[in-house]
Amino acid sequence: MKRKIIKLGTATLVASLPAKWIRQFGLKSGDYLNVDERKGGLILTTEKEIAKEEKKIDLRGINTKLATYYLEAAYCMGYDRIEILHDSKINEYKTHKKINTSEFIQKEVSRWIGIEIIEQLEEKTVLKDIGGSSENEADNIIRRAFLLTKDISNECVNALTNKDTEEIKVIESRAQNIFRFIYFYRRLLNKKGYKDFNKTAVMYQNTYILGDIVKVIQYIARETLGFKKKYSAKAVGVFESINSSIDKIDNLFFSFSKEKAMEIIEDREKQWEMMNSEKNKCTREDAFLYSKLAMIVMSISYLSLGRFYLEL
């Protein structure tokens, strides 16, 4: 879009801002904008959140799986008030049984940060954002998600090494806690954008890759409980190596260097070699573990690439 420059006074030139952009961020006279010069252009940013006041969603006639998608999307999109229309009962996705919708919604909302139920009737529930957020908070939230991912990976390796069934069982709940931070960070991205706004989409994608790593670790723990045989020391050793790479990707993400990125690539090649050398002679249990670890290795590679995009 084009804007005409107008002379104001003897030495000041001004141009109008797009009305749609003004409304989107709820800007008004007296507010401040950040102005950055880049490659012959100007980039205007604001510390205000994108104004997303209210969203109404209809959960009537669907099952809990689709309802979860609707609720999660509305939360992550950053709406301040979410009105939910629903039946008193809802079909549970796995069991196909009717369950109480209000209890289902309460359980879903408990997984999120910064939003609470302010009204709950038999066929309507209202959620409201109860807290503000800042750019520094966003940085702390994503840092926390990375640190917790390192922790859960290390805990899973230790549980498999020590054959600790009880420790494996608690990994499920710890994974859910990590997703609380990931969902909240996505919400902040949709409300404020990344600190370099042009790279918001890249950072959003990075949260999905990080979430994929958590899901795979969660799945490894869940399926391991059903196995009669234990993993071999060699298979657990591969997991230990990949666990080290998760620590390195965390370090790369918040303290970037080409040397760190190269080390992750070199580790990846060694890990592929270790898994490929075992794929035709391993047990069923080890084959399962290798297949899931391969997914983590790929996710680490994608996160490395995503970090380069932020650097450029």
Protein backbone atom coordinates (compact mmCIF):
# COMPACT_ATOMS: atom_id res chain seq x y z
CA MET A 1 0.00 0.00 0.00
CA LYS A 2 1.10 3.58 -0.62
CA ARG A 3 0.93 6.54 1.74
CA LYS A 4 1.42 10.15 0.73
CA ILE A 5 3.98 12.17 2.70
CA ILE A 6 2.63 15.42 4.11
CA LYS A 7 4.71 18.34 5.37
CA LEU A 8 3.92 19.34 8.96
CA GLY A 9 5.51 22.57 10.11
CA THR A 10 8.83 23.71 8.70
CA ALA A 11 10.91 20.53 8.92
CA THR A 12 8.65 17.56 9.76
CA LEU A 13 7.27 15.09 7.24
CA VAL A 14 4.46 12.69 8.24
CA ALA A 15 2.50 9.81 6.67
CA SER A 16 -0.74 8.20 7.85
CA LEU A 17 -0.85 4.67 9.26
CA PRO A 18 -3.23 2.01 7.81
CA ALA A 19 -6.55 2.06 9.68
CA LYS A 20 -6.74 -1.76 9.72
CA TRP A 21 -3.34 -2.00 11.42
CA ILE A 22 -4.36 0.65 13.95
CA ARG A 23 -7.54 -1.28 14.83
CA GLN A 24 -5.74 -4.61 14.97
CA PHE A 25 -3.44 -3.40 17.73
CA GLY A 26 -5.89 -1.01 19.38
CA LEU A 27 -3.57 1.97 18.91
CA LYS A 28 -4.58 5.53 19.76
CA SER A 29 -3.16 9.03 19.79
CA GLY A 30 -0.24 9.29 22.21
CA ASP A 31 0.88 5.65 21.86
CA TYR A 32 4.50 4.98 20.94
CA LEU A 33 5.85 2.98 17.99
CA ASN A 34 9.30 1.46 17.52
CA VAL A 35 10.91 2.59 14.24
CA ASP A 36 13.83 0.56 12.84
CA GLU A 37 15.81 1.37 9.69
CA ARG A 38 16.54 -1.73 7.61
CA LYS A 39 17.95 -1.94 4.10
CA GLY A 40 16.56 1.34 2.91
CA GLY A 41 13.18 0.83 4.58
CA LEU A 42 11.44 1.48 7.86
CA ILE A 43 9.86 -1.17 10.06
CA LEU A 44 7.20 -0.02 12.53
CA THR A 45 6.39 -2.21 15.53
CA THR A 46 4.34 -1.80 18.68
CA GLU A 47 4.60 -3.41 22.10
CA LYS A 48 0.82 -3.66 22.24
CA GLU A 49 -0.95 -6.97 21.80
CA ILE A 50 -3.07 -7.64 18.74
CA ALA A 51 -6.63 -6.82 19.79
CA LYS A 52 -8.53 -10.13 19.78
CA GLU A 53 -11.37 -9.53 22.14
CA GLU A 54 -13.94 -12.31 21.74
CA LYS A 55 -14.58 -15.58 19.93
CA LYS A 56 -17.65 -17.79 19.98
CA ILE A 57 -17.21 -21.50 19.24
CA ASP A 58 -19.86 -24.20 18.91
CA LEU A 59 -19.04 -27.68 20.24
CA ARG A 60 -22.54 -29.09 19.83
CA GLY A 61 -22.76 -32.41 18.02
CA ILE A 62 -19.03 -33.21 17.92
CA ASN A 63 -16.75 -35.53 19.92
CA THR A 64 -14.01 -34.68 22.42
CA LYS A 65 -11.21 -34.92 19.83
CA LEU A 66 -12.68 -32.19 17.61
CA ALA A 67 -13.72 -30.19 20.66
CA THR A 68 -10.10 -30.23 21.86
CA TYR A 69 -8.97 -28.89 18.48
CA TYR A 70 -11.48 -26.03 18.66
CA LEU A 71 -10.62 -25.11 22.24
CA GLU A 72 -6.87 -25.32 21.77
CA ALA A 73 -7.02 -23.23 18.58
CA ALA A 74 -9.14 -20.51 20.22
CA TYR A 75 -6.75 -20.35 23.18
CA CYS A 76 -3.56 -20.27 21.08
CA MET A 77 -5.01 -17.64 18.74
CA GLY A 78 -5.05 -15.29 21.72
CA TYR A 79 -8.73 -14.43 22.21
CA ASP A 80 -9.36 -12.60 25.49
CA ARG A 81 -12.88 -13.95 25.90
CA ILE A 82 -14.11 -17.28 24.53
CA GLU A 83 -17.80 -18.17 24.63
CA ILE A 84 -18.43 -21.90 24.18
CA LEU A 85 -21.79 -23.32 23.19
CA HIS A 86 -22.19 -27.02 23.96
CA ASP A 87 -24.55 -29.84 24.86
CA SER A 88 -24.70 -31.08 28.44
CA LYS A 89 -23.04 -34.33 27.31
CA ILE A 90 -20.32 -34.99 24.73
CA ASN A 91 -19.08 -38.19 23.04
CA GLU A 92 -15.68 -39.28 24.36
CA TYR A 93 -13.41 -39.93 21.35
CA LYS A 94 -11.88 -43.25 22.44
CA THR A 95 -14.65 -44.92 24.45
CA HIS A 96 -17.61 -43.47 22.49
CA LYS A 97 -19.36 -42.94 25.81
CA LYS A 98 -21.27 -39.82 26.79
CA ILE A 99 -19.43 -37.72 29.38
CA ASN A 100 -20.22 -34.45 31.13
CA THR A 101 -19.21 -31.56 28.84
CA SER A 102 -18.57 -29.09 31.65
CA GLU A 103 -16.12 -31.46 33.30
CA PHE A 104 -14.42 -32.06 29.94
CA ILE A 105 -13.98 -28.31 29.39
CA GLN A 106 -12.65 -27.84 32.94
CA LYS A 107 -10.02 -30.48 32.28
CA GLU A 108 -8.98 -28.84 29.01
CA VAL A 109 -8.74 -25.35 30.54
CA SER A 110 -6.58 -26.70 33.38
CA ARG A 111 -3.88 -27.38 30.74
CA TRP A 112 -3.58 -23.68 29.86
CA ILE A 113 -1.91 -20.68 31.46
CA GLY A 114 -3.54 -17.29 31.92
CA ILE A 115 -7.19 -18.08 31.15
CA GLU A 116 -9.99 -19.18 33.46
CA ILE A 117 -13.65 -20.18 33.42
CA ILE A 118 -15.75 -17.19 34.54
CA GLU A 119 -19.18 -18.61 33.72
CA GLN A 120 -20.36 -22.19 33.35
CA LEU A 121 -23.91 -23.27 32.58
CA GLU A 122 -25.29 -26.57 31.34
CA GLU A 123 -25.05 -25.51 27.69
CA LYS A 124 -22.63 -22.56 27.76
CA THR A 125 -19.18 -21.87 29.18
CA VAL A 126 -17.28 -18.58 29.09
CA LEU A 127 -13.50 -18.30 29.36
CA LYS A 128 -11.60 -15.08 30.04
CA ASP A 129 -7.97 -14.01 29.96
CA ILE A 130 -7.08 -13.07 33.54
CA GLY A 131 -3.49 -11.89 33.07
CA GLY A 132 -1.37 -9.67 30.86
CA SER A 133 1.94 -10.57 29.27
CA SER A 134 5.19 -8.96 28.26
CA GLU A 135 7.94 -9.62 25.75
CA ASN A 136 10.30 -10.68 28.54
CA GLU A 137 7.67 -13.12 29.79
CA ALA A 138 7.47 -14.66 26.31
CA ASP A 139 11.24 -15.21 26.29
CA ASN A 140 11.07 -16.85 29.72
CA ILE A 141 8.17 -19.08 28.69
CA ILE A 142 9.90 -20.58 25.64
CA ARG A 143 13.14 -20.93 27.59
CA ARG A 144 11.25 -22.85 30.23
CA ALA A 145 9.73 -25.14 27.60
CA PHE A 146 13.19 -26.00 26.26
CA LEU A 147 14.60 -26.64 29.73
CA LEU A 148 11.70 -28.91 30.66
CA THR A 149 12.15 -30.83 27.40
CA LYS A 150 15.79 -31.43 28.34
CA ASP A 151 14.69 -32.61 31.76
CA ILE A 152 12.03 -35.02 30.51
CA SER A 153 14.44 -36.54 27.99
CA ASN A 154 17.07 -37.06 30.66
CA GLU A 155 14.47 -38.53 33.03
CA CYS A 156 13.28 -40.94 30.34
CA VAL A 157 16.85 -42.12 29.63
CA ASN A 158 17.47 -42.67 33.35
CA ALA A 159 14.18 -44.52 33.77
CA LEU A 160 15.01 -46.87 30.89
CA THR A 161 18.56 -47.39 32.13
CA ASN A 162 17.41 -48.20 35.66
CA LYS A 163 14.27 -49.99 34.48
CA ASP A 164 12.29 -47.69 36.77
CA THR A 165 8.61 -48.29 35.98
CA GLU A 166 7.34 -45.68 38.42
CA GLU A 167 9.52 -42.99 36.87
CA ILE A 168 8.29 -43.92 33.39
CA LYS A 169 4.69 -43.49 34.56
CA VAL A 170 5.16 -39.87 35.66
CA ILE A 171 6.69 -38.79 32.36
CA GLU A 172 3.16 -38.53 30.90
CA SER A 173 2.15 -35.79 33.35
CA ARG A 174 5.46 -33.99 32.94
CA ALA A 175 4.94 -33.90 29.18
CA GLN A 176 1.53 -32.31 29.70
CA ASN A 177 3.17 -29.60 31.79
CA ILE A 178 5.58 -28.77 28.96
CA PHE A 179 2.65 -28.34 26.58
CA ARG A 180 1.14 -25.80 28.98
CA PHE A 181 4.16 -23.59 28.29
CA ILE A 182 4.21 -24.33 24.56
CA TYR A 183 0.51 -23.47 24.14
CA PHE A 184 0.94 -20.30 26.18
CA TYR A 185 3.91 -19.25 24.04
CA ARG A 186 1.88 -19.78 20.88
CA ARG A 187 -0.82 -17.62 22.42
CA LEU A 188 1.73 -14.88 23.10
CA LEU A 189 3.05 -15.11 19.52
CA ASN A 190 -0.46 -14.64 18.16
CA LYS A 191 -1.13 -11.70 20.47
CA LYS A 192 2.23 -9.93 20.27
CA GLY A 193 4.34 -11.59 17.61
CA TYR A 194 8.01 -12.56 17.94
CA LYS A 195 10.44 -9.78 18.93
CA ASP A 196 11.44 -9.65 15.26
CA PHE A 197 7.89 -9.63 13.97
CA ASN A 198 8.85 -10.83 10.47
CA LYS A 199 10.07 -14.11 12.00
CA THR A 200 6.93 -14.84 14.02
CA ALA A 201 5.85 -17.67 11.66
CA VAL A 202 9.30 -19.30 11.93
CA MET A 203 9.18 -19.22 15.72
CA TYR A 204 5.64 -20.58 15.71
CA GLN A 205 6.81 -23.53 13.61
CA ASN A 206 9.70 -24.11 16.00
CA THR A 207 7.23 -24.62 18.84
CA TYR A 208 5.57 -27.43 16.89
CA ILE A 209 8.92 -29.12 16.31
CA LEU A 210 9.76 -28.85 20.01
CA GLY A 211 6.32 -30.27 20.79
CA ASP A 212 7.01 -33.20 18.45
CA ILE A 213 10.09 -34.11 20.50
CA VAL A 214 8.03 -34.05 23.70
CA LYS A 215 5.28 -36.18 22.13
CA VAL A 216 7.76 -38.84 21.00
CA ILE A 217 9.37 -39.04 24.45
CA GLN A 218 5.89 -39.26 25.95
CA TYR A 219 4.99 -42.05 23.52
CA ILE A 220 8.20 -43.97 24.26
CA ALA A 221 7.40 -43.90 27.98
CA ARG A 222 3.77 -44.91 27.43
CA GLU A 223 4.55 -47.86 25.14
CA THR A 224 7.50 -49.05 27.21
CA LEU A 225 5.16 -49.89 30.07
CA GLY A 226 3.51 -52.55 27.91
CA PHE A 227 6.71 -54.31 26.84
CA LYS A 228 7.74 -57.56 28.51
CA LYS A 229 11.38 -57.34 27.44
CA LYS A 230 13.71 -54.48 28.34
CA TYR A 231 15.68 -52.42 25.85
CA SER A 232 19.28 -53.42 25.22
CA ALA A 233 22.13 -51.36 26.66
CA LYS A 234 23.10 -50.41 23.10
CA ALA A 235 19.63 -49.02 22.32
CA VAL A 236 19.56 -47.02 25.56
CA GLY A 237 23.06 -45.78 24.69
CA VAL A 238 21.72 -44.32 21.43
CA PHE A 239 19.00 -42.58 23.45
CA GLU A 240 21.71 -41.15 25.72
CA SER A 241 23.51 -39.75 22.69
CA ILE A 242 20.30 -38.16 21.39
CA ASN A 243 19.57 -36.83 24.86
CA SER A 244 22.91 -35.04 24.67
CA SER A 245 21.84 -33.52 21.34
CA ILE A 246 18.64 -32.21 22.93
CA ASP A 247 20.84 -30.44 25.47
CA LYS A 248 22.93 -29.02 22.64
CA ILE A 249 19.93 -27.77 20.64
CA ASP A 250 18.75 -25.94 23.75
CA ASN A 251 22.18 -24.34 24.04
CA LEU A 252 22.20 -23.47 20.32
CA PHE A 253 18.77 -21.88 20.46
CA PHE A 254 19.64 -19.39 23.18
CA SER A 255 23.36 -18.94 22.48
CA PHE A 256 23.85 -19.40 18.75
CA SER A 257 27.16 -20.25 17.09
CA LYS A 258 28.14 -22.04 13.89
CA GLU A 259 30.42 -24.34 15.89
CA LYS A 260 27.52 -25.54 18.04
CA ALA A 261 25.39 -26.15 14.96
CA MET A 262 28.20 -28.14 13.34
CA GLU A 263 28.54 -30.30 16.46
CA ILE A 264 24.84 -31.17 16.33
CA ILE A 265 25.17 -32.19 12.67
CA GLU A 266 28.16 -34.40 13.45
CA ASP A 267 26.28 -36.05 16.32
CA ARG A 268 23.34 -36.70 14.02
CA GLU A 269 25.50 -38.62 11.55
CA LYS A 270 26.91 -40.79 14.35
CA GLN A 271 23.42 -41.48 15.67
CA TRP A 272 22.14 -42.53 12.25
CA GLU A 273 25.12 -44.83 11.89
CA MET A 274 24.52 -46.44 15.30
CA MET A 275 20.83 -47.08 14.55
CA ASN A 276 21.40 -48.33 10.99
CA SER A 277 24.00 -50.82 12.18
CA GLU A 278 21.41 -52.41 14.50
CA LYS A 279 18.19 -52.29 12.47
CA ASN A 280 18.46 -55.82 11.00
CA LYS A 281 19.55 -57.64 14.13
CA CYS A 282 17.74 -56.02 17.03
CA THR A 283 14.78 -57.14 19.14
CA ARG A 284 11.22 -55.95 18.54
CA GLU A 285 11.52 -53.64 21.54
CA ASP A 286 14.78 -52.09 20.34
CA ALA A 287 13.32 -51.67 16.83
CA PHE A 288 10.45 -49.68 18.33
CA LEU A 289 12.85 -47.47 20.28
CA TYR A 290 15.08 -46.85 17.26
CA SER A 291 12.10 -45.86 15.13
CA LYS A 292 11.01 -43.25 17.68
CA LEU A 293 14.53 -42.00 18.29
CA ALA A 294 14.92 -41.46 14.54
CA MET A 295 11.94 -39.08 14.73
CA ILE A 296 13.65 -37.11 17.51
CA VAL A 297 16.86 -36.89 15.47
CA MET A 298 14.91 -35.42 12.55
CA SER A 299 13.14 -32.94 14.84
CA ILE A 300 16.49 -31.78 16.25
CA SER A 301 17.67 -31.20 12.67
CA TYR A 302 14.58 -29.15 11.87
CA LEU A 303 15.04 -27.10 15.05
CA SER A 304 18.64 -26.40 14.05
CA LEU A 305 17.42 -25.14 10.69
CA GLY A 306 14.70 -23.08 12.37
CA ARG A 307 17.34 -21.45 14.55
CA PHE A 308 19.32 -20.44 11.46
CA TYR A 309 16.21 -18.72 10.09
CA LEU A 310 16.04 -16.61 13.24
CA GLU A 311 19.69 -15.70 12.89
CA LEU A 312 19.49 -14.38 9.31
